[in-house]
Amino acid sequence: MLEPPGTPPLSPSDLDVGDLPASQTSYGFVGFPGSENRPLPGFKFQQSTVYYGGQPSGRDKYERLGYDPRTHFIMSFERERMVDRFGKIVAVPEPYGMSGGPVFKLGTFEEIDNQTARPQVIALTIEWWQRLEVLVGVRIALLTETIRQALPDVASGLPHSPHVRTSVAVNEI
């Protein structure tokens, strides 16, 4: 790319590998749902980014899905009852196709109100459980710790997770 995209690139300091779900904290899933990004005539794709904001789900959803808050992040997501930028309750597009998109910790309500919040990536989107009304992300710490093990030359540039350790074996062919 000769020109950078419209947003600045992320760096390791933009990752929060120590986040655990917290009340009074806002989170958001970002991605490109397939229903909003169909090819136009001439095979050009729309680039319609969608943001779904919300609160962490309760511990019961982690237990029901068999996930641990240290390895996954689960956010409540009532697709039919989301609030749009005008404060109106609306149904939003289904999140199919958002896998791999970043999940941000936006900050505590107090930080957001005081304009001191510093959004950081905590996970990558992996699932939508429609019946449970949740979106799920795999913690970025799993990825950074795996990279740390597999590529020791870059380990010093990655943040250390206080909650996750990995053991990786690389078999060369």
N, C-alpha and C. Protein backbone atom coordinates (compact mmCIF):
# COMPACT_ATOMS: atom_id res chain seq x y z
N MET A 1 0.83 -1.18 0.00
CA MET A 1 0.00 0.00 0.00
C MET A 1 0.88 1.24 0.00
N LEU A 2 0.60 2.11 -0.92
CA LEU A 2 1.35 3.35 -0.97
C LEU A 2 0.82 4.37 0.02
N GLU A 3 -0.47 4.29 0.31
CA GLU A 3 -1.08 5.22 1.25
C GLU A 3 -1.68 4.43 2.41
N PRO A 4 -1.56 4.96 3.63
CA PRO A 4 -2.18 4.25 4.77
C PRO A 4 -3.70 4.34 4.68
N PRO A 5 -4.39 3.36 5.27
CA PRO A 5 -5.86 3.43 5.28
C PRO A 5 -6.33 4.64 6.09
N GLY A 6 -7.65 4.85 6.12
CA GLY A 6 -8.22 6.01 6.79
C GLY A 6 -8.07 6.03 8.30
N THR A 7 -7.65 4.94 8.89
CA THR A 7 -7.43 4.89 10.33
C THR A 7 -5.98 4.53 10.60
N PRO A 8 -5.44 4.98 11.70
CA PRO A 8 -4.04 4.65 12.00
C PRO A 8 -3.89 3.16 12.29
N PRO A 9 -2.75 2.57 11.93
CA PRO A 9 -2.54 1.15 12.23
C PRO A 9 -2.44 0.93 13.74
N LEU A 10 -2.81 -0.27 14.17
CA LEU A 10 -2.71 -0.62 15.58
C LEU A 10 -1.28 -1.06 15.89
N SER A 11 -0.88 -0.82 17.12
CA SER A 11 0.43 -1.26 17.59
C SER A 11 0.21 -2.11 18.85
N PRO A 12 1.25 -2.80 19.33
CA PRO A 12 1.08 -3.60 20.55
C PRO A 12 0.53 -2.80 21.74
N SER A 13 0.80 -1.52 21.80
CA SER A 13 0.28 -0.72 22.93
C SER A 13 -1.23 -0.51 22.84
N ASP A 14 -1.82 -0.85 21.69
CA ASP A 14 -3.27 -0.74 21.51
C ASP A 14 -4.01 -2.01 21.93
N LEU A 15 -3.27 -2.98 22.47
CA LEU A 15 -3.86 -4.24 22.91
C LEU A 15 -3.97 -4.25 24.42
N ASP A 16 -5.09 -4.74 24.92
CA ASP A 16 -5.27 -4.92 26.36
C ASP A 16 -5.34 -6.42 26.62
N VAL A 17 -4.21 -7.02 26.99
CA VAL A 17 -4.14 -8.47 27.22
C VAL A 17 -4.54 -8.85 28.64
N GLY A 18 -4.84 -7.88 29.48
CA GLY A 18 -5.21 -8.15 30.87
C GLY A 18 -6.66 -7.89 31.18
N ASP A 19 -7.45 -7.49 30.19
CA ASP A 19 -8.86 -7.17 30.43
C ASP A 19 -9.62 -8.39 30.92
N LEU A 20 -10.49 -8.16 31.87
CA LEU A 20 -11.51 -9.12 32.28
C LEU A 20 -12.83 -8.36 32.26
N PRO A 21 -13.96 -9.03 31.97
CA PRO A 21 -15.23 -8.32 31.88
C PRO A 21 -15.51 -7.48 33.12
N ALA A 22 -15.88 -6.24 32.91
CA ALA A 22 -16.12 -5.33 34.03
C ALA A 22 -17.46 -4.62 33.85
N SER A 23 -18.21 -4.50 34.94
CA SER A 23 -19.45 -3.73 34.87
C SER A 23 -19.08 -2.26 34.73
N GLN A 24 -20.02 -1.47 34.32
CA GLN A 24 -19.82 -0.04 34.12
C GLN A 24 -18.72 0.23 33.10
N THR A 25 -18.53 -0.71 32.18
CA THR A 25 -17.54 -0.59 31.12
C THR A 25 -18.20 -0.90 29.79
N SER A 26 -17.84 -0.13 28.78
CA SER A 26 -18.42 -0.30 27.46
C SER A 26 -17.45 -1.04 26.54
N TYR A 27 -18.01 -1.93 25.74
CA TYR A 27 -17.24 -2.74 24.80
C TYR A 27 -17.89 -2.64 23.43
N GLY A 28 -17.16 -2.99 22.37
CA GLY A 28 -17.74 -2.94 21.04
C GLY A 28 -17.09 -3.91 20.07
N PHE A 29 -17.93 -4.56 19.27
CA PHE A 29 -17.50 -5.44 18.20
C PHE A 29 -17.57 -4.65 16.90
N VAL A 30 -16.55 -4.79 16.07
CA VAL A 30 -16.49 -4.05 14.80
C VAL A 30 -16.26 -5.04 13.67
N GLY A 31 -16.93 -4.85 12.55
CA GLY A 31 -16.71 -5.74 11.41
C GLY A 31 -17.54 -5.37 10.21
N PHE A 32 -17.56 -6.30 9.26
CA PHE A 32 -18.22 -6.11 7.98
C PHE A 32 -19.25 -7.22 7.76
N PRO A 33 -20.46 -7.08 8.29
CA PRO A 33 -21.46 -8.13 8.09
C PRO A 33 -21.74 -8.35 6.61
N GLY A 34 -21.87 -9.61 6.22
CA GLY A 34 -22.11 -9.94 4.81
C GLY A 34 -23.35 -9.27 4.25
N SER A 35 -24.40 -9.13 5.04
CA SER A 35 -25.64 -8.52 4.54
C SER A 35 -25.47 -7.05 4.19
N GLU A 36 -24.45 -6.42 4.74
CA GLU A 36 -24.21 -4.99 4.48
C GLU A 36 -23.09 -4.77 3.47
N ASN A 37 -22.49 -5.85 2.98
CA ASN A 37 -21.32 -5.72 2.13
C ASN A 37 -21.39 -6.65 0.93
N ARG A 38 -22.44 -6.51 0.14
CA ARG A 38 -22.60 -7.30 -1.08
C ARG A 38 -21.93 -6.58 -2.23
N PRO A 39 -21.43 -7.34 -3.23
CA PRO A 39 -20.78 -6.68 -4.35
C PRO A 39 -21.75 -5.83 -5.16
N LEU A 40 -21.27 -4.71 -5.61
CA LEU A 40 -22.04 -3.82 -6.48
C LEU A 40 -21.75 -4.21 -7.93
N PRO A 41 -22.52 -3.67 -8.88
CA PRO A 41 -22.20 -3.95 -10.29
C PRO A 41 -20.74 -3.58 -10.57
N GLY A 42 -20.08 -4.40 -11.35
CA GLY A 42 -18.67 -4.16 -11.63
C GLY A 42 -17.77 -4.81 -10.61
N PHE A 43 -18.36 -5.64 -9.72
CA PHE A 43 -17.62 -6.41 -8.71
C PHE A 43 -16.92 -5.55 -7.67
N LYS A 44 -17.43 -4.39 -7.42
CA LYS A 44 -16.87 -3.56 -6.35
C LYS A 44 -17.67 -3.82 -5.08
N PHE A 45 -16.96 -3.96 -3.96
CA PHE A 45 -17.63 -4.21 -2.69
C PHE A 45 -17.92 -2.91 -1.97
N GLN A 46 -19.09 -2.87 -1.35
CA GLN A 46 -19.37 -1.79 -0.44
C GLN A 46 -18.44 -2.01 0.75
N GLN A 47 -18.07 -0.98 1.40
CA GLN A 47 -17.27 -1.13 2.61
C GLN A 47 -18.02 -0.49 3.76
N SER A 48 -18.99 -1.22 4.25
CA SER A 48 -19.86 -0.72 5.30
C SER A 48 -19.48 -1.36 6.62
N THR A 49 -18.75 -0.62 7.43
CA THR A 49 -18.35 -1.11 8.74
C THR A 49 -19.51 -0.97 9.71
N VAL A 50 -19.66 -1.97 10.57
CA VAL A 50 -20.72 -1.94 11.57
C VAL A 50 -20.07 -2.05 12.94
N TYR A 51 -20.62 -1.32 13.88
CA TYR A 51 -20.15 -1.34 15.27
C TYR A 51 -21.33 -1.73 16.15
N TYR A 52 -21.13 -2.77 16.97
CA TYR A 52 -22.14 -3.17 17.94
C TYR A 52 -21.56 -2.95 19.33
N GLY A 53 -22.11 -2.00 20.06
CA GLY A 53 -21.64 -1.70 21.40
C GLY A 53 -22.53 -2.33 22.45
N GLY A 54 -21.94 -2.55 23.63
CA GLY A 54 -22.73 -3.12 24.70
C GLY A 54 -21.94 -3.39 25.95
N GLN A 55 -22.55 -4.22 26.79
CA GLN A 55 -21.99 -4.56 28.10
C GLN A 55 -21.61 -6.05 28.12
N PRO A 56 -20.69 -6.42 29.00
CA PRO A 56 -20.35 -7.84 29.12
C PRO A 56 -21.57 -8.62 29.57
N SER A 57 -21.66 -9.85 29.11
CA SER A 57 -22.77 -10.69 29.55
C SER A 57 -22.47 -11.20 30.96
N GLY A 58 -23.46 -11.79 31.57
CA GLY A 58 -23.28 -12.34 32.91
C GLY A 58 -22.50 -13.65 32.89
N ARG A 59 -22.05 -14.03 34.05
CA ARG A 59 -21.26 -15.26 34.22
C ARG A 59 -22.02 -16.49 33.71
N ASP A 60 -23.36 -16.44 33.79
CA ASP A 60 -24.16 -17.58 33.34
C ASP A 60 -23.94 -17.91 31.88
N LYS A 61 -23.71 -16.92 31.03
CA LYS A 61 -23.48 -17.18 29.60
C LYS A 61 -22.12 -17.87 29.40
N TYR A 62 -21.11 -17.48 30.17
CA TYR A 62 -19.81 -18.16 30.10
C TYR A 62 -19.97 -19.62 30.48
N GLU A 63 -20.71 -19.88 31.55
CA GLU A 63 -20.93 -21.25 32.00
C GLU A 63 -21.72 -22.05 30.98
N ARG A 64 -22.73 -21.44 30.42
CA ARG A 64 -23.57 -22.13 29.43
C ARG A 64 -22.77 -22.52 28.19
N LEU A 65 -21.86 -21.64 27.76
CA LEU A 65 -21.06 -21.92 26.57
C LEU A 65 -19.77 -22.69 26.88
N GLY A 66 -19.43 -22.80 28.16
CA GLY A 66 -18.21 -23.50 28.54
C GLY A 66 -16.95 -22.69 28.30
N TYR A 67 -17.06 -21.37 28.31
CA TYR A 67 -15.92 -20.48 28.10
C TYR A 67 -15.46 -19.86 29.41
N ASP A 68 -14.20 -19.51 29.44
CA ASP A 68 -13.61 -18.85 30.60
C ASP A 68 -13.39 -17.37 30.22
N PRO A 69 -13.69 -16.43 31.12
CA PRO A 69 -13.50 -15.01 30.81
C PRO A 69 -12.05 -14.64 30.51
N ARG A 70 -11.09 -15.50 30.89
CA ARG A 70 -9.68 -15.21 30.59
C ARG A 70 -9.33 -15.56 29.15
N THR A 71 -10.13 -16.42 28.51
CA THR A 71 -9.83 -16.84 27.14
C THR A 71 -10.84 -16.33 26.12
N HIS A 72 -12.01 -15.92 26.59
CA HIS A 72 -13.06 -15.43 25.70
C HIS A 72 -13.74 -14.21 26.31
N PHE A 73 -14.33 -13.38 25.44
CA PHE A 73 -15.14 -12.26 25.90
C PHE A 73 -16.54 -12.45 25.32
N ILE A 74 -17.55 -12.31 26.16
CA ILE A 74 -18.94 -12.45 25.73
C ILE A 74 -19.70 -11.17 26.06
N MET A 75 -20.34 -10.61 25.03
CA MET A 75 -21.12 -9.38 25.20
C MET A 75 -22.59 -9.66 24.90
N SER A 76 -23.47 -9.11 25.72
CA SER A 76 -24.90 -9.20 25.46
C SER A 76 -25.21 -8.51 24.14
N PHE A 77 -26.07 -9.14 23.33
CA PHE A 77 -26.37 -8.62 21.99
C PHE A 77 -27.79 -8.97 21.61
N GLU A 78 -28.71 -8.05 21.90
CA GLU A 78 -30.11 -8.22 21.51
C GLU A 78 -30.30 -7.54 20.17
N ARG A 79 -30.09 -8.28 19.10
CA ARG A 79 -30.07 -7.73 17.74
C ARG A 79 -31.32 -6.92 17.40
N GLU A 80 -32.43 -7.31 17.92
CA GLU A 80 -33.69 -6.62 17.64
C GLU A 80 -33.90 -5.36 18.49
N ARG A 81 -33.02 -5.14 19.48
CA ARG A 81 -33.22 -4.03 20.42
C ARG A 81 -31.91 -3.29 20.69
N MET A 82 -31.23 -2.87 19.63
CA MET A 82 -30.00 -2.09 19.78
C MET A 82 -30.35 -0.61 19.65
N VAL A 83 -29.48 0.22 20.16
CA VAL A 83 -29.71 1.67 20.11
C VAL A 83 -28.83 2.25 19.01
N ASP A 84 -29.45 3.01 18.09
CA ASP A 84 -28.67 3.62 17.01
C ASP A 84 -28.06 4.94 17.47
N ARG A 85 -27.35 5.60 16.58
CA ARG A 85 -26.64 6.83 16.96
C ARG A 85 -27.58 7.98 17.31
N PHE A 86 -28.86 7.82 17.03
CA PHE A 86 -29.84 8.86 17.37
C PHE A 86 -30.59 8.52 18.66
N GLY A 87 -30.22 7.40 19.30
CA GLY A 87 -30.87 7.00 20.55
C GLY A 87 -32.15 6.21 20.35
N LYS A 88 -32.42 5.82 19.13
CA LYS A 88 -33.64 5.08 18.79
C LYS A 88 -33.36 3.58 18.85
N ILE A 89 -34.31 2.80 19.38
CA ILE A 89 -34.16 1.34 19.44
C ILE A 89 -34.50 0.77 18.06
N VAL A 90 -33.54 0.00 17.51
CA VAL A 90 -33.68 -0.54 16.16
C VAL A 90 -33.17 -1.98 16.10
N ALA A 91 -33.56 -2.68 15.05
CA ALA A 91 -32.97 -3.98 14.73
C ALA A 91 -31.75 -3.70 13.85
N VAL A 92 -30.65 -4.36 14.15
CA VAL A 92 -29.41 -4.13 13.40
C VAL A 92 -29.14 -5.34 12.50
N PRO A 93 -28.24 -5.19 11.53
CA PRO A 93 -27.93 -6.32 10.65
C PRO A 93 -27.37 -7.51 11.43
N GLU A 94 -27.67 -8.71 10.91
CA GLU A 94 -27.11 -9.91 11.51
C GLU A 94 -25.59 -9.86 11.37
N PRO A 95 -24.86 -10.29 12.38
CA PRO A 95 -23.41 -10.15 12.35
C PRO A 95 -22.65 -11.23 11.58
N TYR A 96 -23.35 -12.02 10.75
CA TYR A 96 -22.64 -13.02 9.95
C TYR A 96 -21.56 -12.34 9.11
N GLY A 97 -20.37 -12.89 9.13
CA GLY A 97 -19.26 -12.34 8.36
C GLY A 97 -18.33 -11.45 9.17
N MET A 98 -18.64 -11.21 10.43
CA MET A 98 -17.81 -10.33 11.25
C MET A 98 -16.64 -11.05 11.91
N SER A 99 -16.57 -12.37 11.76
CA SER A 99 -15.49 -13.12 12.39
C SER A 99 -14.13 -12.55 12.00
N GLY A 100 -13.27 -12.42 13.00
CA GLY A 100 -11.94 -11.86 12.78
C GLY A 100 -11.86 -10.37 13.03
N GLY A 101 -13.01 -9.72 13.16
CA GLY A 101 -13.02 -8.29 13.45
C GLY A 101 -12.63 -8.01 14.89
N PRO A 102 -12.10 -6.83 15.16
CA PRO A 102 -11.66 -6.52 16.52
C PRO A 102 -12.81 -6.30 17.50
N VAL A 103 -12.53 -6.63 18.75
CA VAL A 103 -13.43 -6.33 19.86
C VAL A 103 -12.68 -5.33 20.73
N PHE A 104 -13.29 -4.19 20.97
CA PHE A 104 -12.65 -3.12 21.74
C PHE A 104 -13.23 -2.99 23.13
N LYS A 105 -12.37 -2.73 24.08
CA LYS A 105 -12.79 -2.22 25.38
C LYS A 105 -12.73 -0.71 25.19
N LEU A 106 -13.89 -0.07 25.28
CA LEU A 106 -13.95 1.37 25.02
C LEU A 106 -13.59 2.20 26.24
N GLY A 107 -13.82 1.65 27.42
CA GLY A 107 -13.52 2.35 28.66
C GLY A 107 -14.67 2.27 29.63
N THR A 108 -14.41 2.70 30.85
CA THR A 108 -15.48 2.75 31.84
C THR A 108 -16.41 3.90 31.50
N PHE A 109 -17.60 3.86 32.04
CA PHE A 109 -18.55 4.96 31.79
C PHE A 109 -17.95 6.28 32.24
N GLU A 110 -17.26 6.26 33.37
CA GLU A 110 -16.63 7.48 33.89
C GLU A 110 -15.55 7.99 32.94
N GLU A 111 -14.71 7.10 32.43
CA GLU A 111 -13.67 7.51 31.49
C GLU A 111 -14.27 8.08 30.21
N ILE A 112 -15.34 7.45 29.74
CA ILE A 112 -15.99 7.93 28.52
C ILE A 112 -16.59 9.30 28.78
N ASP A 113 -17.29 9.48 29.91
CA ASP A 113 -17.88 10.79 30.25
C ASP A 113 -16.82 11.87 30.39
N ASN A 114 -15.67 11.51 30.98
CA ASN A 114 -14.58 12.49 31.19
C ASN A 114 -13.68 12.65 29.98
N GLN A 115 -13.97 11.91 28.92
CA GLN A 115 -13.17 11.93 27.69
C GLN A 115 -11.72 11.54 27.93
N THR A 116 -11.51 10.59 28.87
CA THR A 116 -10.16 10.08 29.14
C THR A 116 -10.03 8.62 28.72
N ALA A 117 -11.08 8.06 28.12
CA ALA A 117 -11.05 6.66 27.69
C ALA A 117 -10.05 6.48 26.56
N ARG A 118 -9.39 5.34 26.58
CA ARG A 118 -8.44 4.98 25.52
C ARG A 118 -8.82 3.59 25.02
N PRO A 119 -9.62 3.50 23.94
CA PRO A 119 -10.05 2.19 23.46
C PRO A 119 -8.86 1.30 23.12
N GLN A 120 -9.00 0.01 23.48
CA GLN A 120 -7.97 -0.98 23.20
C GLN A 120 -8.61 -2.28 22.74
N VAL A 121 -7.92 -3.01 21.88
CA VAL A 121 -8.40 -4.29 21.37
C VAL A 121 -8.20 -5.35 22.45
N ILE A 122 -9.28 -6.08 22.75
CA ILE A 122 -9.21 -7.14 23.75
C ILE A 122 -9.42 -8.53 23.17
N ALA A 123 -10.03 -8.60 21.97
CA ALA A 123 -10.39 -9.90 21.40
C ALA A 123 -10.62 -9.77 19.91
N LEU A 124 -10.85 -10.94 19.27
CA LEU A 124 -11.26 -11.00 17.87
C LEU A 124 -12.59 -11.75 17.83
N THR A 125 -13.53 -11.24 17.04
CA THR A 125 -14.86 -11.83 16.93
C THR A 125 -14.79 -13.24 16.37
N ILE A 126 -15.53 -14.17 17.02
CA ILE A 126 -15.58 -15.53 16.50
C ILE A 126 -17.00 -16.08 16.34
N GLU A 127 -17.96 -15.63 17.16
CA GLU A 127 -19.28 -16.27 17.12
C GLU A 127 -20.41 -15.31 17.47
N TRP A 128 -21.58 -15.66 16.94
CA TRP A 128 -22.83 -15.04 17.34
C TRP A 128 -23.76 -16.18 17.77
N TRP A 129 -24.21 -16.13 19.00
CA TRP A 129 -25.17 -17.10 19.50
C TRP A 129 -26.52 -16.39 19.56
N GLN A 130 -27.30 -16.55 18.48
CA GLN A 130 -28.56 -15.83 18.34
C GLN A 130 -29.52 -16.14 19.49
N ARG A 131 -29.69 -17.41 19.83
CA ARG A 131 -30.66 -17.77 20.88
C ARG A 131 -30.23 -17.28 22.26
N LEU A 132 -28.91 -17.22 22.49
CA LEU A 132 -28.42 -16.73 23.79
C LEU A 132 -28.26 -15.21 23.79
N GLU A 133 -28.43 -14.59 22.64
CA GLU A 133 -28.29 -13.13 22.48
C GLU A 133 -26.93 -12.63 22.95
N VAL A 134 -25.87 -13.24 22.38
CA VAL A 134 -24.51 -12.82 22.71
C VAL A 134 -23.61 -12.85 21.48
N LEU A 135 -22.60 -12.01 21.51
CA LEU A 135 -21.48 -12.07 20.58
C LEU A 135 -20.27 -12.55 21.38
N VAL A 136 -19.40 -13.32 20.74
CA VAL A 136 -18.25 -13.91 21.43
C VAL A 136 -16.97 -13.56 20.69
N GLY A 137 -15.95 -13.25 21.46
CA GLY A 137 -14.62 -13.03 20.90
C GLY A 137 -13.60 -13.88 21.63
N VAL A 138 -12.55 -14.29 20.90
CA VAL A 138 -11.45 -15.00 21.54
C VAL A 138 -10.44 -13.93 21.97
N ARG A 139 -9.96 -14.06 23.18
CA ARG A 139 -9.07 -13.04 23.75
C ARG A 139 -7.79 -12.87 22.93
N ILE A 140 -7.40 -11.62 22.72
CA ILE A 140 -6.18 -11.30 21.99
C ILE A 140 -4.96 -11.84 22.72
N ALA A 141 -5.07 -12.02 24.04
CA ALA A 141 -3.96 -12.57 24.83
C ALA A 141 -3.59 -13.98 24.37
N LEU A 142 -4.57 -14.77 23.93
CA LEU A 142 -4.27 -16.10 23.42
C LEU A 142 -3.37 -16.01 22.19
N LEU A 143 -3.64 -15.02 21.36
CA LEU A 143 -2.84 -14.85 20.15
C LEU A 143 -1.46 -14.29 20.45
N THR A 144 -1.40 -13.28 21.30
CA THR A 144 -0.08 -12.69 21.59
C THR A 144 0.81 -13.68 22.33
N GLU A 145 0.24 -14.47 23.25
CA GLU A 145 1.05 -15.45 23.96
C GLU A 145 1.50 -16.58 23.04
N THR A 146 0.66 -16.95 22.09
CA THR A 146 1.05 -17.96 21.10
C THR A 146 2.17 -17.44 20.21
N ILE A 147 2.05 -16.20 19.75
CA ILE A 147 3.11 -15.60 18.94
C ILE A 147 4.40 -15.52 19.74
N ARG A 148 4.29 -15.16 21.00
CA ARG A 148 5.47 -15.08 21.88
C ARG A 148 6.21 -16.42 21.91
N GLN A 149 5.46 -17.53 21.98
CA GLN A 149 6.07 -18.86 22.02
C GLN A 149 6.64 -19.28 20.66
N ALA A 150 5.86 -19.05 19.60
CA ALA A 150 6.26 -19.52 18.27
C ALA A 150 7.35 -18.65 17.63
N LEU A 151 7.36 -17.37 17.95
CA LEU A 151 8.31 -16.43 17.35
C LEU A 151 9.04 -15.65 18.44
N PRO A 152 9.98 -16.26 19.11
CA PRO A 152 10.65 -15.59 20.24
C PRO A 152 11.36 -14.30 19.85
N ASP A 153 11.70 -14.12 18.58
CA ASP A 153 12.38 -12.90 18.14
C ASP A 153 11.49 -11.66 18.28
N VAL A 154 10.17 -11.85 18.26
CA VAL A 154 9.27 -10.70 18.39
C VAL A 154 8.63 -10.61 19.77
N ALA A 155 8.92 -11.56 20.62
CA ALA A 155 8.28 -11.64 21.95
C ALA A 155 8.46 -10.38 22.77
N SER A 156 9.63 -9.76 22.70
CA SER A 156 9.89 -8.58 23.53
C SER A 156 9.00 -7.39 23.17
N GLY A 157 8.46 -7.37 21.96
CA GLY A 157 7.60 -6.27 21.55
C GLY A 157 6.14 -6.45 21.87
N LEU A 158 5.79 -7.59 22.49
CA LEU A 158 4.39 -7.88 22.80
C LEU A 158 4.11 -7.73 24.28
N PRO A 159 2.91 -7.26 24.62
CA PRO A 159 2.56 -7.16 26.04
C PRO A 159 2.40 -8.54 26.66
N HIS A 160 2.73 -8.67 27.95
CA HIS A 160 2.59 -9.92 28.70
C HIS A 160 1.18 -10.01 29.28
N SER A 161 0.57 -11.17 29.13
CA SER A 161 -0.75 -11.38 29.71
C SER A 161 -0.62 -11.84 31.16
N PRO A 162 -1.37 -11.22 32.08
CA PRO A 162 -1.33 -11.68 33.47
C PRO A 162 -2.20 -12.92 33.70
N HIS A 163 -3.03 -13.29 32.70
CA HIS A 163 -4.00 -14.36 32.90
C HIS A 163 -3.76 -15.60 32.05
N VAL A 164 -3.00 -15.47 30.96
CA VAL A 164 -2.89 -16.55 29.99
C VAL A 164 -1.44 -16.91 29.74
N ARG A 165 -1.17 -18.22 29.68
CA ARG A 165 0.12 -18.74 29.25
C ARG A 165 -0.16 -19.81 28.22
N THR A 166 0.67 -19.91 27.20
CA THR A 166 0.48 -20.93 26.18
C THR A 166 1.73 -21.78 26.06
N SER A 167 1.56 -22.92 25.47
CA SER A 167 2.67 -23.80 25.15
C SER A 167 2.49 -24.19 23.70
N VAL A 168 3.43 -23.81 22.85
CA VAL A 168 3.31 -24.01 21.42
C VAL A 168 4.47 -24.87 20.94
N ALA A 169 4.16 -25.86 20.14
CA ALA A 169 5.19 -26.66 19.49
C ALA A 169 5.11 -26.40 18.00
N VAL A 170 6.23 -26.08 17.38
CA VAL A 170 6.27 -25.83 15.93
C VAL A 170 7.02 -26.98 15.30
N ASN A 171 6.35 -27.70 14.44
CA ASN A 171 6.95 -28.82 13.72
C ASN A 171 7.32 -28.35 12.32
N GLU A 172 8.60 -28.36 12.02
CA GLU A 172 9.06 -27.94 10.70
C GLU A 172 9.01 -29.13 9.76
N ILE A 173 8.73 -28.87 8.51
CA ILE A 173 8.66 -29.93 7.51
C ILE A 173 9.94 -29.96 6.72
